[in-house]
Amino acid sequence: MRTTLVPLPGQTTLAEYERLQAQIAAAQTTLRTKYGSDAKWALIMPGVALANMTVFISQFSAISTLAGEGVPSMATEGLAWFRDLTAPDPMWGLPVLCAAATLAMVESGAMSAEMGQAGAAKTMKWVMRAFALVFIPAGGYVPAAVGLLWFSNSLFSLAQAGVLRSKPLRRAPPQLAGLD
């Protein structure tokens, strides 16, 4: 117990710790003054992510249930090579498209806002890459309706990220620059 209280070589003393804290606080104040406070976004984003997850899970559950019940219109109203949305994709095209769209989202940085800090983002990227590749064999066993839902959501997310990252949109008009 005593060794944890005695400063060891390379260990920060209380005075040095307080000095570093003051430097960090000053830097944070400078950044907040220059760029504005993002504290509200730090509080809002987990709620947005939870809402998105809830909507996706409810959509997934509803589509899976409808496909499992064998709704007649889902059995005949598919398109292209997957005519029957209640059965798995016979050509494995949807699982491959889903994996490609998910990989495109990960590699383009479309998911970077959800991934958080740098170290966690690297790990999350590898998890999402693996998940995309695992979806190819796993997607061969889910109804085509689920694959179509996943693919359309991935394409929409990719397009949305592209639009939100476009330079014309990122330049706020002067009348909106002061709004938070």
Protein backbone atom coordinates (compact mmCIF):
# COMPACT_ATOMS: atom_id res chain seq x y z
CA MET A 1 0.00 0.00 0.00
CA ARG A 2 2.79 2.42 0.87
CA THR A 3 4.54 1.90 -2.46
CA THR A 4 1.51 3.18 -4.33
CA LEU A 5 1.68 6.45 -2.40
CA VAL A 6 5.41 7.06 -2.89
CA PRO A 7 6.34 8.60 -6.24
CA LEU A 8 8.53 6.25 -8.22
CA PRO A 9 10.89 7.36 -10.99
CA GLY A 10 8.79 8.23 -14.03
CA GLN A 11 5.66 8.61 -11.93
CA THR A 12 3.85 11.96 -12.03
CA THR A 13 3.90 13.98 -8.82
CA LEU A 14 0.81 15.80 -7.58
CA ALA A 15 2.22 19.22 -8.57
CA GLU A 16 3.06 17.99 -12.08
CA TYR A 17 -0.34 16.33 -12.34
CA GLU A 18 -2.09 19.60 -11.40
CA ARG A 19 0.05 21.53 -13.91
CA LEU A 20 -0.89 19.05 -16.67
CA GLN A 21 -4.57 19.26 -15.67
CA ALA A 22 -4.44 23.05 -15.97
CA GLN A 23 -2.82 22.79 -19.43
CA ILE A 24 -5.50 20.34 -20.58
CA ALA A 25 -8.29 22.56 -19.23
CA ALA A 26 -6.81 25.60 -21.01
CA ALA A 27 -6.52 23.69 -24.28
CA GLN A 28 -10.12 22.47 -23.97
CA THR A 29 -11.34 26.02 -23.30
CA THR A 30 -9.44 27.29 -26.34
CA LEU A 31 -10.95 24.57 -28.54
CA ARG A 32 -14.46 25.18 -27.20
CA THR A 33 -14.10 28.90 -27.84
CA LYS A 34 -12.79 28.37 -31.35
CA TYR A 35 -15.09 25.54 -32.50
CA GLY A 36 -18.04 25.59 -30.10
CA SER A 37 -19.11 23.01 -27.56
CA ASP A 38 -19.94 19.52 -28.71
CA ALA A 39 -21.02 18.35 -25.27
CA LYS A 40 -24.66 18.18 -26.33
CA TRP A 41 -23.71 15.88 -29.23
CA ALA A 42 -21.82 13.60 -26.85
CA LEU A 43 -25.06 13.24 -24.89
CA ILE A 44 -27.36 12.95 -27.93
CA MET A 45 -25.38 10.46 -30.07
CA PRO A 46 -25.81 7.38 -27.83
CA GLY A 47 -29.57 8.00 -27.88
CA VAL A 48 -29.56 8.32 -31.66
CA ALA A 49 -27.54 5.11 -32.00
CA LEU A 50 -29.96 3.32 -29.66
CA ALA A 51 -32.95 4.60 -31.65
CA ASN A 52 -31.36 3.48 -34.93
CA MET A 53 -30.59 0.06 -33.48
CA THR A 54 -34.16 -0.27 -32.17
CA VAL A 55 -35.64 0.62 -35.57
CA PHE A 56 -33.33 -1.79 -37.42
CA ILE A 57 -34.06 -4.65 -35.01
CA SER A 58 -37.82 -4.07 -35.29
CA GLN A 59 -37.56 -3.99 -39.11
CA PHE A 60 -35.45 -7.14 -39.10
CA SER A 61 -37.86 -8.89 -36.75
CA ALA A 62 -40.92 -7.85 -38.80
CA ILE A 63 -39.40 -8.92 -42.13
CA SER A 64 -38.17 -12.21 -40.67
CA THR A 65 -41.61 -12.94 -39.21
CA LEU A 66 -43.41 -12.08 -42.45
CA ALA A 67 -41.02 -14.25 -44.44
CA GLY A 68 -41.34 -17.07 -41.91
CA GLU A 69 -45.14 -16.94 -42.05
CA GLY A 70 -45.01 -17.38 -45.82
CA VAL A 71 -46.99 -14.29 -46.80
CA PRO A 72 -48.21 -15.09 -50.34
CA SER A 73 -47.15 -11.78 -51.87
CA MET A 74 -43.61 -12.24 -50.52
CA ALA A 75 -43.40 -15.63 -52.21
CA THR A 76 -44.07 -14.21 -55.68
CA GLU A 77 -43.11 -10.53 -55.68
CA GLY A 78 -39.33 -10.63 -55.55
CA LEU A 79 -37.21 -9.25 -58.34
CA ALA A 80 -34.25 -10.20 -60.51
CA TRP A 81 -32.93 -13.63 -59.52
CA PHE A 82 -34.65 -13.78 -56.10
CA ARG A 83 -38.33 -14.11 -56.96
CA ASP A 84 -39.28 -15.74 -53.65
CA LEU A 85 -38.50 -13.43 -50.73
CA THR A 86 -39.48 -16.07 -48.17
CA ALA A 87 -36.69 -18.44 -49.25
CA PRO A 88 -32.92 -17.96 -49.12
CA ASP A 89 -31.33 -16.45 -52.22
CA PRO A 90 -30.68 -19.40 -54.56
CA MET A 91 -27.76 -17.68 -56.35
CA TRP A 92 -26.13 -16.27 -53.16
CA GLY A 93 -26.12 -12.82 -54.80
CA LEU A 94 -27.77 -10.96 -51.93
CA PRO A 95 -25.32 -12.23 -49.28
CA VAL A 96 -22.40 -11.20 -51.49
CA LEU A 97 -24.00 -7.78 -52.19
CA CYS A 98 -24.67 -7.30 -48.46
CA ALA A 99 -21.07 -8.13 -47.61
CA ALA A 100 -19.77 -5.80 -50.34
CA ALA A 101 -22.01 -2.92 -49.22
CA THR A 102 -21.04 -3.39 -45.56
CA LEU A 103 -17.34 -3.50 -46.47
CA ALA A 104 -17.80 -0.37 -48.59
CA MET A 105 -19.38 1.40 -45.60
CA VAL A 106 -16.54 0.36 -43.30
CA GLU A 107 -13.75 1.21 -45.75
CA SER A 108 -15.24 4.54 -46.81
CA GLY A 109 -15.47 5.71 -43.23
CA ALA A 110 -19.27 5.91 -43.33
CA MET A 111 -19.39 4.21 -39.95
CA SER A 112 -16.60 6.19 -38.30
CA ALA A 113 -18.95 8.42 -36.29
CA GLU A 114 -20.47 5.36 -34.61
CA MET A 115 -17.11 3.75 -33.93
CA GLY A 116 -15.73 6.30 -31.48
CA GLN A 117 -12.07 6.74 -30.52
CA ALA A 118 -9.10 5.71 -32.66
CA GLY A 119 -8.16 2.47 -30.87
CA ALA A 120 -11.74 1.31 -30.56
CA ALA A 121 -12.41 2.33 -34.17
CA LYS A 122 -9.62 0.08 -35.46
CA THR A 123 -10.98 -2.86 -33.51
CA MET A 124 -14.53 -2.11 -34.60
CA LYS A 125 -13.45 -1.88 -38.24
CA TRP A 126 -11.93 -5.35 -38.07
CA VAL A 127 -15.03 -6.70 -36.32
CA MET A 128 -17.26 -5.22 -39.03
CA ARG A 129 -15.00 -6.57 -41.79
CA ALA A 130 -15.21 -10.04 -40.26
CA PHE A 131 -18.96 -9.69 -39.81
CA ALA A 132 -19.36 -8.74 -43.47
CA LEU A 133 -17.42 -11.81 -44.57
CA VAL A 134 -19.29 -14.11 -42.16
CA PHE A 135 -22.55 -12.80 -43.58
CA ILE A 136 -21.82 -14.45 -46.95
CA PRO A 137 -22.22 -18.04 -45.73
CA ALA A 138 -24.75 -17.09 -43.04
CA GLY A 139 -26.79 -15.04 -45.54
CA GLY A 140 -27.38 -18.14 -47.60
CA TYR A 141 -29.69 -19.42 -44.85
CA VAL A 142 -31.83 -16.34 -44.20
CA PRO A 143 -34.84 -15.36 -46.32
CA ALA A 144 -34.05 -13.16 -49.32
CA ALA A 145 -36.28 -10.47 -47.75
CA VAL A 146 -33.80 -10.12 -44.87
CA GLY A 147 -30.87 -9.88 -47.29
CA LEU A 148 -32.74 -7.28 -49.32
CA LEU A 149 -33.44 -5.28 -46.14
CA TRP A 150 -29.77 -5.45 -45.11
CA PHE A 151 -28.55 -4.51 -48.60
CA SER A 152 -30.94 -1.57 -48.97
CA ASN A 153 -30.06 -0.25 -45.48
CA SER A 154 -26.35 -0.52 -46.28
CA LEU A 155 -26.75 1.29 -49.60
CA PHE A 156 -28.80 4.04 -47.96
CA SER A 157 -26.18 4.48 -45.21
CA LEU A 158 -23.41 4.63 -47.80
CA ALA A 159 -25.27 7.23 -49.86
CA GLN A 160 -26.17 9.26 -46.76
CA ALA A 161 -22.55 9.32 -45.60
CA GLY A 162 -21.45 10.42 -49.07
CA VAL A 163 -23.94 13.27 -49.12
CA LEU A 164 -23.12 14.39 -45.57
CA ARG A 165 -19.39 14.36 -46.34
CA SER A 166 -19.74 16.37 -49.55
CA LYS A 167 -17.96 19.71 -49.48
CA PRO A 168 -20.94 21.84 -50.61
CA LEU A 169 -23.08 20.51 -47.78
CA ARG A 170 -20.34 20.87 -45.17
CA ARG A 171 -19.95 24.58 -45.95
CA ALA A 172 -22.75 26.14 -43.91
CA PRO A 173 -24.43 29.26 -45.25
CA PRO A 174 -23.58 32.36 -43.16
CA GLN A 175 -27.09 32.56 -41.73
CA LEU A 176 -26.77 28.99 -40.36
CA ALA A 177 -23.19 29.21 -39.10
CA GLY A 178 -24.18 30.51 -35.65
CA LEU A 179 -26.92 27.93 -35.06
CA ASP A 180 -26.25 25.08 -32.64
